[in-house]
């Protein structure tokens, strides 16, 4: 199983989109400063995730989400979880 995730920084409310096979470990890595981009904006919290059967599908979805570059789109995605 692979996950596409959206995390948000508590520092400046910016978003980070990624994929992983271990969502819990990956979030810990972001919050421990083990990734270059996200280390400056920690702490992070998970706001959205999707599960995929394989890496190829997860990467396609990750690329699509990253191309959006639209905070309103991301907020709508998060809001969709409330339904």
PDB file of N, CA and C in Angstrom:
ATOM      1  N   UNK A   1       0.832  -1.182   0.000  1.00  0.00           N
ATOM      2  CA  UNK A   1       0.000   0.000   0.000  1.00  0.00           C
ATOM      3  C   UNK A   1       0.875   1.244   0.000  1.00  0.00           C
ATOM      4  N   UNK A   2       0.414   2.248  -0.722  1.00  0.00           N
ATOM      5  CA  UNK A   2       1.106   3.533  -0.777  1.00  0.00           C
ATOM      6  C   UNK A   2       0.107   4.632  -0.433  1.00  0.00           C
ATOM      7  N   UNK A   3       0.625   5.698   0.124  1.00  0.00           N
ATOM      8  CA  UNK A   3      -0.201   6.818   0.563  1.00  0.00           C
ATOM      9  C   UNK A   3       0.269   8.096  -0.101  1.00  0.00           C
ATOM     10  N   UNK A   4      -0.684   8.909  -0.498  1.00  0.00           N
ATOM     11  CA  UNK A   4      -0.409  10.284  -0.903  1.00  0.00           C
ATOM     12  C   UNK A   4      -0.950  11.121   0.239  1.00  0.00           C
ATOM     13  N   UNK A   5      -0.148  12.062   0.696  1.00  0.00           N
ATOM     14  CA  UNK A   5      -0.544  12.803   1.892  1.00  0.00           C
ATOM     15  C   UNK A   5      -0.343  14.298   1.699  1.00  0.00           C
ATOM     16  N   UNK A   6      -1.088  15.023   2.482  1.00  0.00           N
ATOM     17  CA  UNK A   6      -1.007  16.479   2.522  1.00  0.00           C
ATOM     18  C   UNK A   6      -0.820  16.846   3.986  1.00  0.00           C
ATOM     19  N   UNK A   7       0.308  17.488   4.279  1.00  0.00           N
ATOM     20  CA  UNK A   7       0.558  17.947   5.641  1.00  0.00           C
ATOM     21  C   UNK A   7       0.600  19.473   5.628  1.00  0.00           C
ATOM     22  N   UNK A   8       0.332  20.046   6.777  1.00  0.00           N
ATOM     23  CA  UNK A   8       0.305  21.502   6.887  1.00  0.00           C
ATOM     24  C   UNK A   8       1.212  21.938   8.030  1.00  0.00           C
ATOM     25  N   UNK A   9       1.937  22.998   7.797  1.00  0.00           N
ATOM     26  CA  UNK A   9       2.862  23.533   8.788  1.00  0.00           C
ATOM     27  C   UNK A   9       2.113  24.367   9.821  1.00  0.00           C
ATOM     28  N   UNK A  10       2.443  24.161  11.071  1.00  0.00           N
ATOM     29  CA  UNK A  10       1.871  24.996  12.129  1.00  0.00           C
ATOM     30  C   UNK A  10       2.537  26.369  12.165  1.00  0.00           C
ATOM     31  N   UNK A  11       3.694  26.498  11.518  1.00  0.00           N
ATOM     32  CA  UNK A  11       4.440  27.758  11.520  1.00  0.00           C
ATOM     33  C   UNK A  11       3.799  28.787  10.598  1.00  0.00           C
ATOM     34  N   UNK A  12       3.553  28.390   9.346  1.00  0.00           N
ATOM     35  CA  UNK A  12       3.032  29.366   8.377  1.00  0.00           C
ATOM     36  C   UNK A  12       1.836  28.858   7.573  1.00  0.00           C
ATOM     37  N   UNK A  13       1.268  27.731   7.963  1.00  0.00           N
ATOM     38  CA  UNK A  13       0.089  27.126   7.311  1.00  0.00           C
ATOM     39  C   UNK A  13       0.359  26.662   5.891  1.00  0.00           C
ATOM     40  N   UNK A  14       1.625  26.583   5.479  1.00  0.00           N
ATOM     41  CA  UNK A  14       1.925  26.090   4.138  1.00  0.00           C
ATOM     42  C   UNK A  14       1.680  24.579   4.078  1.00  0.00           C
ATOM     43  N   UNK A  15       1.530  24.091   2.850  1.00  0.00           N
ATOM     44  CA  UNK A  15       1.265  22.674   2.627  1.00  0.00           C
ATOM     45  C   UNK A  15       2.479  21.979   2.042  1.00  0.00           C
ATOM     46  N   UNK A  16       2.548  20.681   2.290  1.00  0.00           N
ATOM     47  CA  UNK A  16       3.553  19.822   1.666  1.00  0.00           C
ATOM     48  C   UNK A  16       2.819  18.574   1.203  1.00  0.00           C
ATOM     49  N   UNK A  17       3.062  18.164  -0.030  1.00  0.00           N
ATOM     50  CA  UNK A  17       2.430  16.988  -0.603  1.00  0.00           C
ATOM     51  C   UNK A  17       3.510  15.962  -0.888  1.00  0.00           C
ATOM     52  N   UNK A  18       3.233  14.718  -0.540  1.00  0.00           N
ATOM     53  CA  UNK A  18       4.199  13.666  -0.798  1.00  0.00           C
ATOM     54  C   UNK A  18       3.528  12.309  -0.896  1.00  0.00           C
ATOM     55  N   UNK A  19       4.349  11.282  -1.097  1.00  0.00           N
ATOM     56  CA  UNK A  19       3.839   9.918  -1.095  1.00  0.00           C
ATOM     57  C   UNK A  19       4.806   9.061  -0.286  1.00  0.00           C
ATOM     58  N   UNK A  20       4.290   7.950   0.225  1.00  0.00           N
ATOM     59  CA  UNK A  20       5.098   7.064   1.049  1.00  0.00           C
ATOM     60  C   UNK A  20       4.421   5.704   1.177  1.00  0.00           C
ATOM     61  N   UNK A  21       5.184   4.732   1.621  1.00  0.00           N
ATOM     62  CA  UNK A  21       4.598   3.430   1.921  1.00  0.00           C
ATOM     63  C   UNK A  21       4.365   3.289   3.425  1.00  0.00           C
ATOM     64  N   UNK A  22       4.849   4.255   4.210  1.00  0.00           N
ATOM     65  CA  UNK A  22       4.669   4.223   5.661  1.00  0.00           C
ATOM     66  C   UNK A  22       4.336   5.642   6.136  1.00  0.00           C
ATOM     67  N   UNK A  23       3.075   5.917   6.237  1.00  0.00           N
ATOM     68  CA  UNK A  23       2.615   7.278   6.531  1.00  0.00           C
ATOM     69  C   UNK A  23       3.050   7.749   7.921  1.00  0.00           C
ATOM     70  N   UNK A  24       2.938   6.901   8.903  1.00  0.00           N
ATOM     71  CA  UNK A  24       3.313   7.289  10.265  1.00  0.00           C
ATOM     72  C   UNK A  24       4.803   7.635  10.363  1.00  0.00           C
ATOM     73  N   UNK A  25       5.647   6.787   9.780  1.00  0.00           N
ATOM     74  CA  UNK A  25       7.091   7.037   9.787  1.00  0.00           C
ATOM     75  C   UNK A  25       7.430   8.314   9.030  1.00  0.00           C
ATOM     76  N   UNK A  26       6.783   8.522   7.899  1.00  0.00           N
ATOM     77  CA  UNK A  26       7.079   9.702   7.086  1.00  0.00           C
ATOM     78  C   UNK A  26       6.735  10.985   7.825  1.00  0.00           C
ATOM     79  N   UNK A  27       5.617  11.001   8.524  1.00  0.00           N
ATOM     80  CA  UNK A  27       5.244  12.192   9.291  1.00  0.00           C
ATOM     81  C   UNK A  27       6.270  12.452  10.400  1.00  0.00           C
ATOM     82  N   UNK A  28       6.743  11.399  11.035  1.00  0.00           N
ATOM     83  CA  UNK A  28       7.789  11.554  12.052  1.00  0.00           C
ATOM     84  C   UNK A  28       9.058  12.137  11.438  1.00  0.00           C
ATOM     85  N   UNK A  29       9.415  11.689  10.233  1.00  0.00           N
ATOM     86  CA  UNK A  29      10.607  12.215   9.564  1.00  0.00           C
ATOM     87  C   UNK A  29      10.466  13.707   9.289  1.00  0.00           C
ATOM     88  N   UNK A  30       9.290  14.126   8.852  1.00  0.00           N
ATOM     89  CA  UNK A  30       9.060  15.562   8.612  1.00  0.00           C
ATOM     90  C   UNK A  30       9.220  16.347   9.915  1.00  0.00           C
ATOM     91  N   UNK A  31       8.658  15.837  10.991  1.00  0.00           N
ATOM     92  CA  UNK A  31       8.687  16.557  12.265  1.00  0.00           C
ATOM     93  C   UNK A  31      10.017  16.454  12.993  1.00  0.00           C
ATOM     94  N   UNK A  32      10.846  15.504  12.606  1.00  0.00           N
ATOM     95  CA  UNK A  32      12.182  15.388  13.199  1.00  0.00           C
ATOM     96  C   UNK A  32      13.235  16.146  12.394  1.00  0.00           C
ATOM     97  N   UNK A  33      12.813  16.813  11.333  1.00  0.00           N
ATOM     98  CA  UNK A  33      13.738  17.599  10.526  1.00  0.00           C
ATOM     99  C   UNK A  33      14.604  16.765   9.598  1.00  0.00           C
ATOM    100  N   UNK A  34      14.163  15.576   9.254  1.00  0.00           N
ATOM    101  CA  UNK A  34      14.944  14.682   8.410  1.00  0.00           C
ATOM    102  C   UNK A  34      14.776  14.941   6.913  1.00  0.00           C
ATOM    103  N   UNK A  35      13.929  15.865   6.550  1.00  0.00           N
ATOM    104  CA  UNK A  35      13.752  16.228   5.143  1.00  0.00           C
ATOM    105  C   UNK A  35      14.088  17.705   4.980  1.00  0.00           C
ATOM    106  N   UNK A  36      14.823  18.008   3.952  1.00  0.00           N
ATOM    107  CA  UNK A  36      15.367  19.362   3.791  1.00  0.00           C
ATOM    108  C   UNK A  36      14.288  20.434   3.732  1.00  0.00           C
ATOM    109  N   UNK A  37      13.303  20.295   2.841  1.00  0.00           N
ATOM    110  CA  UNK A  37      12.297  21.341   2.685  1.00  0.00           C
ATOM    111  C   UNK A  37      11.464  21.520   3.950  1.00  0.00           C
ATOM    112  N   UNK A  38      10.990  20.426   4.485  1.00  0.00           N
ATOM    113  CA  UNK A  38      10.037  20.542   5.584  1.00  0.00           C
ATOM    114  C   UNK A  38      10.684  20.834   6.939  1.00  0.00           C
ATOM    115  N   UNK A  39      11.980  20.694   7.050  1.00  0.00           N
ATOM    116  CA  UNK A  39      12.636  20.895   8.347  1.00  0.00           C
ATOM    117  C   UNK A  39      12.515  22.333   8.849  1.00  0.00           C
ATOM    118  N   UNK A  40      12.393  23.284   7.946  1.00  0.00           N
ATOM    119  CA  UNK A  40      12.324  24.697   8.342  1.00  0.00           C
ATOM    120  C   UNK A  40      10.942  25.124   8.818  1.00  0.00           C
ATOM    121  N   UNK A  41       9.938  24.291   8.562  1.00  0.00           N
ATOM    122  CA  UNK A  41       8.570  24.704   8.852  1.00  0.00           C
ATOM    123  C   UNK A  41       7.862  23.778   9.834  1.00  0.00           C
ATOM    124  N   UNK A  42       8.630  22.993  10.571  1.00  0.00           N
ATOM    125  CA  UNK A  42       8.008  22.067  11.510  1.00  0.00           C
ATOM    126  C   UNK A  42       7.499  22.807  12.733  1.00  0.00           C
ATOM    127  N   UNK A  43       6.513  22.341  13.398  1.00  0.00           N
ATOM    128  CA  UNK A  43       5.888  21.032  13.268  1.00  0.00           C
ATOM    129  C   UNK A  43       4.829  20.985  12.163  1.00  0.00           C
ATOM    130  N   UNK A  44       4.605  19.771  11.687  1.00  0.00           N
ATOM    131  CA  UNK A  44       3.631  19.478  10.641  1.00  0.00           C
ATOM    132  C   UNK A  44       2.525  18.605  11.201  1.00  0.00           C
ATOM    133  N   UNK A  45       1.343  18.741  10.627  1.00  0.00           N
ATOM    134  CA  UNK A  45       0.269  17.828  10.999  1.00  0.00           C
ATOM    135  C   UNK A  45      -0.427  17.340   9.735  1.00  0.00           C
ATOM    136  N   UNK A  46      -0.865  16.113   9.779  1.00  0.00           N
ATOM    137  CA  UNK A  46      -1.509  15.476   8.640  1.00  0.00           C
ATOM    138  C   UNK A  46      -2.921  16.018   8.490  1.00  0.00           C
ATOM    139  N   UNK A  47      -3.254  16.506   7.284  1.00  0.00           N
ATOM    140  CA  UNK A  47      -4.597  17.037   7.060  1.00  0.00           C
ATOM    141  C   UNK A  47      -5.378  16.227   6.036  1.00  0.00           C
ATOM    142  N   UNK A  48      -4.668  15.392   5.241  1.00  0.00           N
ATOM    143  CA  UNK A  48      -5.362  14.618   4.210  1.00  0.00           C
ATOM    144  C   UNK A  48      -4.458  13.485   3.745  1.00  0.00           C
ATOM    145  N   UNK A  49      -5.068  12.339   3.443  1.00  0.00           N
ATOM    146  CA  UNK A  49      -4.307  11.240   2.847  1.00  0.00           C
ATOM    147  C   UNK A  49      -5.228  10.362   2.020  1.00  0.00           C
ATOM    148  N   UNK A  50      -4.640   9.689   1.052  1.00  0.00           N
ATOM    149  CA  UNK A  50      -5.338   8.733   0.200  1.00  0.00           C
ATOM    150  C   UNK A  50      -4.487   7.473   0.120  1.00  0.00           C
ATOM    151  N   UNK A  51      -5.139   6.322  -0.037  1.00  0.00           N
ATOM    152  CA  UNK A  51      -4.443   5.035  -0.110  1.00  0.00           C
ATOM    153  C   UNK A  51      -4.510   4.508  -1.542  1.00  0.00           C
ATOM    154  N   UNK A  52      -3.379   3.957  -2.009  1.00  0.00           N
ATOM    155  CA  UNK A  52      -3.293   3.389  -3.352  1.00  0.00           C
ATOM    156  C   UNK A  52      -2.676   1.994  -3.296  1.00  0.00           C
ATOM    157  N   UNK A  53      -3.069   1.168  -4.240  1.00  0.00           N
ATOM    158  CA  UNK A  53      -2.589  -0.211  -4.282  1.00  0.00           C
ATOM    159  C   UNK A  53      -1.131  -0.318  -4.707  1.00  0.00           C
ATOM    160  N   UNK A  54      -0.673   0.658  -5.513  1.00  0.00           N
ATOM    161  CA  UNK A  54       0.707   0.569  -5.988  1.00  0.00           C
ATOM    162  C   UNK A  54       1.342   1.953  -6.107  1.00  0.00           C
ATOM    163  N   UNK A  55       2.647   1.929  -6.239  1.00  0.00           N
ATOM    164  CA  UNK A  55       3.433   3.161  -6.273  1.00  0.00           C
ATOM    165  C   UNK A  55       3.098   4.016  -7.493  1.00  0.00           C
ATOM    166  N   UNK A  56       2.866   3.379  -8.637  1.00  0.00           N
ATOM    167  CA  UNK A  56       2.573   4.119  -9.868  1.00  0.00           C
ATOM    168  C   UNK A  56       1.333   4.993  -9.711  1.00  0.00           C
ATOM    169  N   UNK A  57       0.275   4.435  -9.160  1.00  0.00           N
ATOM    170  CA  UNK A  57      -0.961   5.211  -8.962  1.00  0.00           C
ATOM    171  C   UNK A  57      -0.742   6.344  -7.955  1.00  0.00           C
ATOM    172  N   UNK A  58       0.002   6.052  -6.911  1.00  0.00           N
ATOM    173  CA  UNK A  58       0.277   7.081  -5.902  1.00  0.00           C
ATOM    174  C   UNK A  58       1.081   8.232  -6.504  1.00  0.00           C
ATOM    175  N   UNK A  59       2.083   7.917  -7.308  1.00  0.00           N
ATOM    176  CA  UNK A  59       2.898   8.967  -7.929  1.00  0.00           C
ATOM    177  C   UNK A  59       2.081   9.821  -8.888  1.00  0.00           C
ATOM    178  N   UNK A  60       1.172   9.207  -9.631  1.00  0.00           N
ATOM    179  CA  UNK A  60       0.314   9.971 -10.546  1.00  0.00           C
ATOM    180  C   UNK A  60      -0.554  10.953  -9.770  1.00  0.00           C
ATOM    181  N   UNK A  61      -1.125  10.475  -8.671  1.00  0.00           N
ATOM    182  CA  UNK A  61      -1.979  11.345  -7.854  1.00  0.00           C
ATOM    183  C   UNK A  61      -1.157  12.459  -7.201  1.00  0.00           C
ATOM    184  N   UNK A  62       0.034  12.115  -6.715  1.00  0.00           N
ATOM    185  CA  UNK A  62       0.905  13.128  -6.111  1.00  0.00           C
ATOM    186  C   UNK A  62       1.229  14.221  -7.127  1.00  0.00           C
ATOM    187  N   UNK A  63       1.600  13.826  -8.341  1.00  0.00           N
ATOM    188  CA  UNK A  63       1.913  14.817  -9.385  1.00  0.00           C
ATOM    189  C   UNK A  63       0.713  15.710  -9.673  1.00  0.00           C
ATOM    190  N   UNK A  64      -0.481  15.103  -9.758  1.00  0.00           N
ATOM    191  CA  UNK A  64      -1.687  15.892 -10.007  1.00  0.00           C
ATOM    192  C   UNK A  64      -1.897  16.925  -8.905  1.00  0.00           C
ATOM    193  N   UNK A  65      -1.794  16.511  -7.644  1.00  0.00           N
ATOM    194  CA  UNK A  65      -2.017  17.431  -6.529  1.00  0.00           C
ATOM    195  C   UNK A  65      -0.973  18.543  -6.506  1.00  0.00           C
ATOM    196  N   UNK A  66       0.271  18.205  -6.787  1.00  0.00           N
ATOM    197  CA  UNK A  66       1.326  19.222  -6.784  1.00  0.00           C
ATOM    198  C   UNK A  66       1.133  20.242  -7.898  1.00  0.00           C
ATOM    199  N   UNK A  67       0.581  19.820  -9.013  1.00  0.00           N
ATOM    200  CA  UNK A  67       0.352  20.747 -10.130  1.00  0.00           C
ATOM    201  C   UNK A  67      -0.740  21.764  -9.821  1.00  0.00           C
ATOM    202  N   UNK A  68      -1.606  21.469  -8.885  1.00  0.00           N
ATOM    203  CA  UNK A  68      -2.705  22.381  -8.576  1.00  0.00           C
ATOM    204  C   UNK A  68      -2.190  23.713  -8.028  1.00  0.00           C
ATOM    205  N   UNK A  69      -1.228  23.672  -7.131  1.00  0.00           N
ATOM    206  CA  UNK A  69      -0.634  24.891  -6.555  1.00  0.00           C
ATOM    207  C   UNK A  69      -1.700  25.919  -6.191  1.00  0.00           C
ATOM    208  N   UNK A  70      -2.749  25.453  -5.556  1.00  0.00           N
ATOM    209  CA  UNK A  70      -3.889  26.310  -5.268  1.00  0.00           C
ATOM    210  C   UNK A  70      -4.395  25.992  -3.861  1.00  0.00           C
ATOM    211  N   UNK A  71      -4.198  26.904  -2.945  1.00  0.00           N
ATOM    212  CA  UNK A  71      -4.608  26.682  -1.560  1.00  0.00           C
ATOM    213  C   UNK A  71      -6.101  26.377  -1.446  1.00  0.00           C
ATOM    214  N   UNK A  72      -6.928  27.053  -2.234  1.00  0.00           N
ATOM    215  CA  UNK A  72      -8.367  26.804  -2.184  1.00  0.00           C
ATOM    216  C   UNK A  72      -8.681  25.361  -2.575  1.00  0.00           C
ATOM    217  N   UNK A  73      -7.974  24.857  -3.581  1.00  0.00           N
ATOM    218  CA  UNK A  73      -8.162  23.461  -3.991  1.00  0.00           C
ATOM    219  C   UNK A  73      -7.823  22.531  -2.834  1.00  0.00           C
ATOM    220  N   UNK A  74      -6.717  22.779  -2.157  1.00  0.00           N
ATOM    221  CA  UNK A  74      -6.294  21.936  -1.036  1.00  0.00           C
ATOM    222  C   UNK A  74      -7.296  22.022   0.117  1.00  0.00           C
ATOM    223  N   UNK A  75      -7.801  23.219   0.399  1.00  0.00           N
ATOM    224  CA  UNK A  75      -8.789  23.356   1.467  1.00  0.00           C
ATOM    225  C   UNK A  75     -10.080  22.610   1.131  1.00  0.00           C
ATOM    226  N   UNK A  76     -10.483  22.631  -0.136  1.00  0.00           N
ATOM    227  CA  UNK A  76     -11.673  21.882  -0.554  1.00  0.00           C
ATOM    228  C   UNK A  76     -11.449  20.380  -0.400  1.00  0.00           C
ATOM    229  N   UNK A  77     -10.258  19.938  -0.723  1.00  0.00           N
ATOM    230  CA  UNK A  77      -9.905  18.522  -0.572  1.00  0.00           C
ATOM    231  C   UNK A  77     -10.003  18.116   0.900  1.00  0.00           C
ATOM    232  N   UNK A  78      -9.460  18.937   1.776  1.00  0.00           N
ATOM    233  CA  UNK A  78      -9.523  18.657   3.215  1.00  0.00           C
ATOM    234  C   UNK A  78     -10.962  18.678   3.699  1.00  0.00           C
ATOM    235  N   UNK A  79     -11.714  19.650   3.225  1.00  0.00           N
ATOM    236  CA  UNK A  79     -13.117  19.790   3.621  1.00  0.00           C
ATOM    237  C   UNK A  79     -13.940  18.573   3.200  1.00  0.00           C
ATOM    238  N   UNK A  80     -13.554  17.939   2.091  1.00  0.00           N
ATOM    239  CA  UNK A  80     -14.284  16.773   1.602  1.00  0.00           C
ATOM    240  C   UNK A  80     -14.258  15.621   2.598  1.00  0.00           C
ATOM    241  N   UNK A  81     -13.309  15.629   3.524  1.00  0.00           N
ATOM    242  CA  UNK A  81     -13.230  14.580   4.551  1.00  0.00           C
ATOM    243  C   UNK A  81     -14.343  14.700   5.570  1.00  0.00           C
ATOM    244  N   UNK A  82     -14.923  15.881   5.704  1.00  0.00           N
ATOM    245  CA  UNK A  82     -15.967  16.114   6.687  1.00  0.00           C
ATOM    246  C   UNK A  82     -17.295  15.471   6.299  1.00  0.00           C
ATOM    247  N   UNK A  83     -17.407  15.038   5.080  1.00  0.00           N
ATOM    248  CA  UNK A  83     -18.696  14.479   4.603  1.00  0.00           C
ATOM    249  C   UNK A  83     -18.912  13.084   5.091  1.00  0.00           C
TER     250      UNK A  83
END
